[in-house]
Structures are given as structure tokens and as C-alpha cells.
């Protein structure tokens, strides 16, 4: 994966991108996982596997810059997860959906879904999803010219990432440094 660049004022602050080859490989793998889940023998976990694979494909599509395709998967997946009580999948689907909406410039929808994903991550004690969501919310807030709120999100994210020994803490430090030097 190539390095993200945190440039205040540049569209999609710090968006991580893969090379076209990496995107193709990730999309191929995610599609294969979804196909395998659909073709698997029916059982108690069959629906969950399909739902999780759909969310994973939506994430790969978002990273590949295909946000509208991602939203067509992540939105219904969030709905099914909500209806079936699949709370972990719902949290992930909401983050993927919000991120796709962010990059598709659907700000109101993105903010609503980011806030819900964050609230659900906190309520469940899912610190991993919480730090991912905080980082994405911070980037969204930079893009919507709400730098003070973004700094707060990145600071909270960094604390969790450091607590968990998460290697992505460095990315959050770079985001904070970029915001500090721009201010």
C-alpha cells in the first residue's frame, strides 16, 4: 500500500490508496470470498458469512475508488445486519458505508453513519473499530473544514492506537502533525 499524504486543503485528507495492481488483487480476493460464502453449504453461519463478505467487498471497492458500488453493497448490508441483530457486522458496515459516502461527497449521510458507527463501537467496547472510526471521522472533519473537531478525533484515536500497540498510530501522528503545521 502506498503512503497516505496528509495535506490540509487537498481533497480527501490522508486517503490511503493502493496501486492499481493491489486494488485489482484485493477486489478479486473479496469477490472470491463472497462467491465462496454464497456457494457454501447452508447452515447457521451461511448468512453471516455472506453478509461479512459483502461488507469486505464494499470496503475493497471503496479503497479502489469505486464508492458508489461500495454504497450499493454496504447500505443493504447494514440494513440486514441491523434487522438480524448482527451487531459487529452492523458496526463495520456503517463504517464502510460512511467512508464510501464521504468519498462520494455525500456529507450529511456520511456524518450520520460515522457517528452511529462510533457510538456503537463505544457502546460495545470495540476499541479496534473505535480507533478506525475516529481516524476516518477525523479525515472527514478535515474535509469539511472542522479542524478543531478533527484534531480531537485524531487525538482520541492516537491514544487508543498507542494503548493497543497498533502500528497505524504513526499514520495518526502524521495527520496530527499536518494539522498542527497548517494551523
C-alpha atoms as a PDB file:
ATOM      1  CA  UNK A   1       0.000   0.000   0.000  1.00  0.00           C
ATOM      2  CA  UNK A   2       1.300   3.406  -0.783  1.00  0.00           C
ATOM      3  CA  UNK A   3       1.701   6.009   1.914  1.00  0.00           C
ATOM      4  CA  UNK A   4      -1.109   8.392   2.648  1.00  0.00           C
ATOM      5  CA  UNK A   5      -0.382  12.050   2.299  1.00  0.00           C
ATOM      6  CA  UNK A   6      -1.915  14.393   4.817  1.00  0.00           C
ATOM      7  CA  UNK A   7      -2.236  17.728   3.057  1.00  0.00           C
ATOM      8  CA  UNK A   8      -4.655  20.179   4.612  1.00  0.00           C
ATOM      9  CA  UNK A   9      -6.834  21.660   1.886  1.00  0.00           C
ATOM     10  CA  UNK A  10      -6.292  18.750  -0.503  1.00  0.00           C
ATOM     11  CA  UNK A  11      -9.418  16.743  -1.269  1.00  0.00           C
ATOM     12  CA  UNK A  12      -9.815  13.648   0.913  1.00  0.00           C
ATOM     13  CA  UNK A  13      -7.229  14.381   3.589  1.00  0.00           C
ATOM     14  CA  UNK A  14      -4.906  11.429   4.010  1.00  0.00           C
ATOM     15  CA  UNK A  15      -6.852   8.979   1.908  1.00  0.00           C
ATOM     16  CA  UNK A  16      -4.904   5.747   1.649  1.00  0.00           C
ATOM     17  CA  UNK A  17      -4.631   4.306  -1.811  1.00  0.00           C
ATOM     18  CA  UNK A  18      -3.307   1.112  -3.242  1.00  0.00           C
ATOM     19  CA  UNK A  19      -1.627   0.694  -6.560  1.00  0.00           C
ATOM     20  CA  UNK A  20      -3.975  -0.388  -9.367  1.00  0.00           C
ATOM     21  CA  UNK A  21      -2.462  -3.872  -9.126  1.00  0.00           C
ATOM     22  CA  UNK A  22      -3.068  -4.012  -5.380  1.00  0.00           C
ATOM     23  CA  UNK A  23      -6.659  -2.849  -5.892  1.00  0.00           C
ATOM     24  CA  UNK A  24      -7.249  -5.486  -8.567  1.00  0.00           C
ATOM     25  CA  UNK A  25      -5.878  -8.214  -6.304  1.00  0.00           C
ATOM     26  CA  UNK A  26      -7.935  -7.027  -3.312  1.00  0.00           C
ATOM     27  CA  UNK A  27     -11.119  -6.844  -5.382  1.00  0.00           C
ATOM     28  CA  UNK A  28     -10.511 -10.283  -6.892  1.00  0.00           C
ATOM     29  CA  UNK A  29      -9.943 -11.790  -3.442  1.00  0.00           C
ATOM     30  CA  UNK A  30     -13.005 -10.073  -1.947  1.00  0.00           C
ATOM     31  CA  UNK A  31     -15.207 -11.207  -4.836  1.00  0.00           C
ATOM     32  CA  UNK A  32     -13.892 -14.769  -4.483  1.00  0.00           C
ATOM     33  CA  UNK A  33     -14.654 -14.722  -0.758  1.00  0.00           C
ATOM     34  CA  UNK A  34     -18.193 -13.512  -1.437  1.00  0.00           C
ATOM     35  CA  UNK A  35     -18.700 -16.176  -4.109  1.00  0.00           C
ATOM     36  CA  UNK A  36     -17.407 -18.877  -1.753  1.00  0.00           C
ATOM     37  CA  UNK A  37     -19.716 -17.691   1.005  1.00  0.00           C
ATOM     38  CA  UNK A  38     -22.719 -17.727  -1.322  1.00  0.00           C
ATOM     39  CA  UNK A  39     -21.840 -21.177  -2.672  1.00  0.00           C
ATOM     40  CA  UNK A  40     -21.126 -22.705   0.748  1.00  0.00           C
ATOM     41  CA  UNK A  41     -23.457 -25.306   2.156  1.00  0.00           C
ATOM     42  CA  UNK A  42     -26.389 -23.771   4.019  1.00  0.00           C
ATOM     43  CA  UNK A  43     -26.044 -23.654   7.749  1.00  0.00           C
ATOM     44  CA  UNK A  44     -26.360 -21.425  10.761  1.00  0.00           C
ATOM     45  CA  UNK A  45     -23.364 -19.322   9.742  1.00  0.00           C
ATOM     46  CA  UNK A  46     -24.094 -19.160   6.000  1.00  0.00           C
ATOM     47  CA  UNK A  47     -25.991 -15.866   6.080  1.00  0.00           C
ATOM     48  CA  UNK A  48     -23.426 -14.284   8.365  1.00  0.00           C
ATOM     49  CA  UNK A  49     -20.583 -15.323   6.081  1.00  0.00           C
ATOM     50  CA  UNK A  50     -22.318 -13.824   3.035  1.00  0.00           C
ATOM     51  CA  UNK A  51     -23.069 -10.601   4.904  1.00  0.00           C
ATOM     52  CA  UNK A  52     -19.497 -10.247   6.175  1.00  0.00           C
ATOM     53  CA  UNK A  53     -18.080 -10.979   2.716  1.00  0.00           C
ATOM     54  CA  UNK A  54     -20.353  -8.320   1.186  1.00  0.00           C
ATOM     55  CA  UNK A  55     -19.048  -5.752   3.686  1.00  0.00           C
ATOM     56  CA  UNK A  56     -15.462  -6.772   2.908  1.00  0.00           C
ATOM     57  CA  UNK A  57     -16.099  -6.342  -0.821  1.00  0.00           C
ATOM     58  CA  UNK A  58     -17.667  -2.931  -0.173  1.00  0.00           C
ATOM     59  CA  UNK A  59     -14.532  -1.920   1.719  1.00  0.00           C
ATOM     60  CA  UNK A  60     -12.282  -3.082  -1.134  1.00  0.00           C
ATOM     61  CA  UNK A  61     -14.436  -1.161  -3.615  1.00  0.00           C
ATOM     62  CA  UNK A  62     -14.149   1.997  -1.507  1.00  0.00           C
ATOM     63  CA  UNK A  63     -10.378   1.730  -1.311  1.00  0.00           C
ATOM     64  CA  UNK A  64     -10.310   1.204  -5.081  1.00  0.00           C
ATOM     65  CA  UNK A  65     -12.177   4.483  -5.574  1.00  0.00           C
ATOM     66  CA  UNK A  66     -15.465   2.838  -6.517  1.00  0.00           C
ATOM     67  CA  UNK A  67     -17.535   4.443  -3.778  1.00  0.00           C
ATOM     68  CA  UNK A  68     -20.931   4.233  -5.462  1.00  0.00           C
ATOM     69  CA  UNK A  69     -20.581   0.489  -5.987  1.00  0.00           C
ATOM     70  CA  UNK A  70     -19.493   0.169  -2.374  1.00  0.00           C
ATOM     71  CA  UNK A  71     -22.544   2.043  -1.153  1.00  0.00           C
ATOM     72  CA  UNK A  72     -24.852  -0.322  -3.061  1.00  0.00           C
ATOM     73  CA  UNK A  73     -23.410  -3.200  -1.026  1.00  0.00           C
ATOM     74  CA  UNK A  74     -22.721  -1.556   2.327  1.00  0.00           C
ATOM     75  CA  UNK A  75     -26.109   0.158   2.701  1.00  0.00           C
ATOM     76  CA  UNK A  76     -28.204  -3.010   2.337  1.00  0.00           C
ATOM     77  CA  UNK A  77     -25.653  -4.992   4.362  1.00  0.00           C
ATOM     78  CA  UNK A  78     -26.044  -2.526   7.235  1.00  0.00           C
ATOM     79  CA  UNK A  79     -29.813  -2.878   6.966  1.00  0.00           C
ATOM     80  CA  UNK A  80     -29.702  -6.672   7.060  1.00  0.00           C
ATOM     81  CA  UNK A  81     -27.216  -6.622   9.939  1.00  0.00           C
ATOM     82  CA  UNK A  82     -29.485  -4.269  11.878  1.00  0.00           C
ATOM     83  CA  UNK A  83     -32.586  -6.404  11.197  1.00  0.00           C
ATOM     84  CA  UNK A  84     -30.868  -9.664  12.144  1.00  0.00           C
ATOM     85  CA  UNK A  85     -29.053  -8.401  15.227  1.00  0.00           C
ATOM     86  CA  UNK A  86     -25.573  -8.856  13.768  1.00  0.00           C
ATOM     87  CA  UNK A  87     -24.110  -6.013  15.801  1.00  0.00           C
ATOM     88  CA  UNK A  88     -20.440  -6.494  14.899  1.00  0.00           C
ATOM     89  CA  UNK A  89     -21.266  -6.617  11.193  1.00  0.00           C
ATOM     90  CA  UNK A  90     -23.511  -3.571  11.586  1.00  0.00           C
ATOM     91  CA  UNK A  91     -20.680  -1.548  13.121  1.00  0.00           C
ATOM     92  CA  UNK A  92     -18.297  -2.488  10.313  1.00  0.00           C
ATOM     93  CA  UNK A  93     -20.890  -1.964   7.584  1.00  0.00           C
ATOM     94  CA  UNK A  94     -21.703   1.501   8.926  1.00  0.00           C
ATOM     95  CA  UNK A  95     -18.024   2.497   8.904  1.00  0.00           C
ATOM     96  CA  UNK A  96     -17.578   1.195   5.341  1.00  0.00           C
ATOM     97  CA  UNK A  97     -20.789   2.909   4.231  1.00  0.00           C
ATOM     98  CA  UNK A  98     -19.814   6.210   5.865  1.00  0.00           C
ATOM     99  CA  UNK A  99     -16.361   6.105   4.303  1.00  0.00           C
ATOM    100  CA  UNK A 100     -17.807   5.449   0.841  1.00  0.00           C
ATOM    101  CA  UNK A 101     -20.325   8.275   1.345  1.00  0.00           C
ATOM    102  CA  UNK A 102     -17.519  10.584   2.461  1.00  0.00           C
ATOM    103  CA  UNK A 103     -15.545   9.926  -0.708  1.00  0.00           C
ATOM    104  CA  UNK A 104     -18.708  10.242  -2.818  1.00  0.00           C
ATOM    105  CA  UNK A 105     -19.214  13.701  -1.256  1.00  0.00           C
ATOM    106  CA  UNK A 106     -22.441  12.725   0.477  1.00  0.00           C
ATOM    107  CA  UNK A 107     -21.501  14.611   3.628  1.00  0.00           C
ATOM    108  CA  UNK A 108     -24.769  14.513   5.593  1.00  0.00           C
ATOM    109  CA  UNK A 109     -25.182  10.770   5.150  1.00  0.00           C
ATOM    110  CA  UNK A 110     -21.519  10.116   5.873  1.00  0.00           C
ATOM    111  CA  UNK A 111     -21.576  12.084   9.098  1.00  0.00           C
ATOM    112  CA  UNK A 112     -24.728  10.315  10.311  1.00  0.00           C
ATOM    113  CA  UNK A 113     -23.254   6.883   9.617  1.00  0.00           C
ATOM    114  CA  UNK A 114     -19.833   7.753  11.065  1.00  0.00           C
ATOM    115  CA  UNK A 115     -21.476   8.979  14.278  1.00  0.00           C
ATOM    116  CA  UNK A 116     -23.615   5.839  14.542  1.00  0.00           C
ATOM    117  CA  UNK A 117     -20.632   3.546  13.911  1.00  0.00           C
ATOM    118  CA  UNK A 118     -18.628   5.386  16.571  1.00  0.00           C
ATOM    119  CA  UNK A 119     -21.458   5.266  19.112  1.00  0.00           C
ATOM    120  CA  UNK A 120     -21.971   1.539  18.518  1.00  0.00           C
ATOM    121  CA  UNK A 121     -18.225   0.811  18.725  1.00  0.00           C
ATOM    122  CA  UNK A 122     -18.016   2.642  22.047  1.00  0.00           C
ATOM    123  CA  UNK A 123     -21.181   1.027  23.440  1.00  0.00           C
ATOM    124  CA  UNK A 124     -19.861  -2.436  22.597  1.00  0.00           C
ATOM    125  CA  UNK A 125     -16.328  -1.779  23.831  1.00  0.00           C
ATOM    126  CA  UNK A 126     -14.919  -2.458  20.350  1.00  0.00           C
ATOM    127  CA  UNK A 127     -11.716  -0.438  20.715  1.00  0.00           C
ATOM    128  CA  UNK A 128     -10.344  -1.563  17.352  1.00  0.00           C
ATOM    129  CA  UNK A 129     -13.355  -0.313  15.422  1.00  0.00           C
ATOM    130  CA  UNK A 130     -13.414   2.777  17.627  1.00  0.00           C
ATOM    131  CA  UNK A 131      -9.895   3.820  16.611  1.00  0.00           C
ATOM    132  CA  UNK A 132     -10.567   3.111  12.928  1.00  0.00           C
ATOM    133  CA  UNK A 133     -13.774   5.110  13.091  1.00  0.00           C
ATOM    134  CA  UNK A 134     -12.152   8.009  14.940  1.00  0.00           C
ATOM    135  CA  UNK A 135      -9.429   8.178  12.297  1.00  0.00           C
ATOM    136  CA  UNK A 136     -11.964   8.192   9.459  1.00  0.00           C
ATOM    137  CA  UNK A 137     -14.157  10.745  11.239  1.00  0.00           C
ATOM    138  CA  UNK A 138     -11.079  12.938  11.713  1.00  0.00           C
ATOM    139  CA  UNK A 139     -10.319  12.820   7.993  1.00  0.00           C
ATOM    140  CA  UNK A 140     -13.961  13.576   7.207  1.00  0.00           C
ATOM    141  CA  UNK A 141     -13.894  16.563   9.571  1.00  0.00           C
ATOM    142  CA  UNK A 142     -10.764  17.957   7.910  1.00  0.00           C
ATOM    143  CA  UNK A 143     -12.501  17.667   4.539  1.00  0.00           C
ATOM    144  CA  UNK A 144     -15.491  19.559   5.927  1.00  0.00           C
ATOM    145  CA  UNK A 145     -13.274  22.335   7.359  1.00  0.00           C
ATOM    146  CA  UNK A 146     -13.842  21.377  11.007  1.00  0.00           C
ATOM    147  CA  UNK A 147     -10.210  21.169  12.009  1.00  0.00           C
ATOM    148  CA  UNK A 148     -10.633  21.561  15.768  1.00  0.00           C
ATOM    149  CA  UNK A 149     -13.037  18.624  15.889  1.00  0.00           C
ATOM    150  CA  UNK A 150     -10.682  16.648  13.639  1.00  0.00           C
ATOM    151  CA  UNK A 151      -7.753  17.212  15.994  1.00  0.00           C
ATOM    152  CA  UNK A 152      -9.899  15.936  18.862  1.00  0.00           C
ATOM    153  CA  UNK A 153     -10.794  12.766  16.912  1.00  0.00           C
ATOM    154  CA  UNK A 154      -7.207  12.114  15.864  1.00  0.00           C
ATOM    155  CA  UNK A 155      -6.005  12.667  19.445  1.00  0.00           C
ATOM    156  CA  UNK A 156      -8.523  10.155  20.812  1.00  0.00           C
ATOM    157  CA  UNK A 157      -7.637   7.745  18.004  1.00  0.00           C
ATOM    158  CA  UNK A 158      -3.930   8.043  18.737  1.00  0.00           C
ATOM    159  CA  UNK A 159      -4.448   7.301  22.422  1.00  0.00           C
ATOM    160  CA  UNK A 160      -6.301   4.082  21.606  1.00  0.00           C
ATOM    161  CA  UNK A 161      -3.806   3.059  18.936  1.00  0.00           C
ATOM    162  CA  UNK A 162      -0.898   3.593  21.312  1.00  0.00           C
ATOM    163  CA  UNK A 163      -2.714   1.694  24.071  1.00  0.00           C
ATOM    164  CA  UNK A 164      -3.293  -1.255  21.724  1.00  0.00           C
ATOM    165  CA  UNK A 165       0.180  -1.128  20.163  1.00  0.00           C
ATOM    166  CA  UNK A 166      -1.460  -0.533  16.786  1.00  0.00           C
ATOM    167  CA  UNK A 167       1.115   0.105  14.017  1.00  0.00           C
ATOM    168  CA  UNK A 168      -1.256   2.623  12.402  1.00  0.00           C
ATOM    169  CA  UNK A 169      -0.548   5.017  15.278  1.00  0.00           C
ATOM    170  CA  UNK A 170       2.150   6.504  13.059  1.00  0.00           C
ATOM    171  CA  UNK A 171      -0.434   7.445  10.443  1.00  0.00           C
ATOM    172  CA  UNK A 172      -2.452   9.255  13.092  1.00  0.00           C
ATOM    173  CA  UNK A 173       0.669  11.079  14.287  1.00  0.00           C
ATOM    174  CA  UNK A 174       1.287  12.242  10.693  1.00  0.00           C
ATOM    175  CA  UNK A 175      -2.281  13.509  10.447  1.00  0.00           C
ATOM    176  CA  UNK A 176      -1.922  15.461  13.683  1.00  0.00           C
ATOM    177  CA  UNK A 177       1.428  16.861  12.574  1.00  0.00           C
ATOM    178  CA  UNK A 178      -0.055  18.024   9.267  1.00  0.00           C
ATOM    179  CA  UNK A 179      -2.917  19.742  11.087  1.00  0.00           C
ATOM    180  CA  UNK A 180      -0.522  21.337  13.564  1.00  0.00           C
ATOM    181  CA  UNK A 181       1.745  22.730  10.850  1.00  0.00           C
ATOM    182  CA  UNK A 182      -1.239  24.044   8.871  1.00  0.00           C
ATOM    183  CA  UNK A 183      -2.737  25.865  11.838  1.00  0.00           C
END
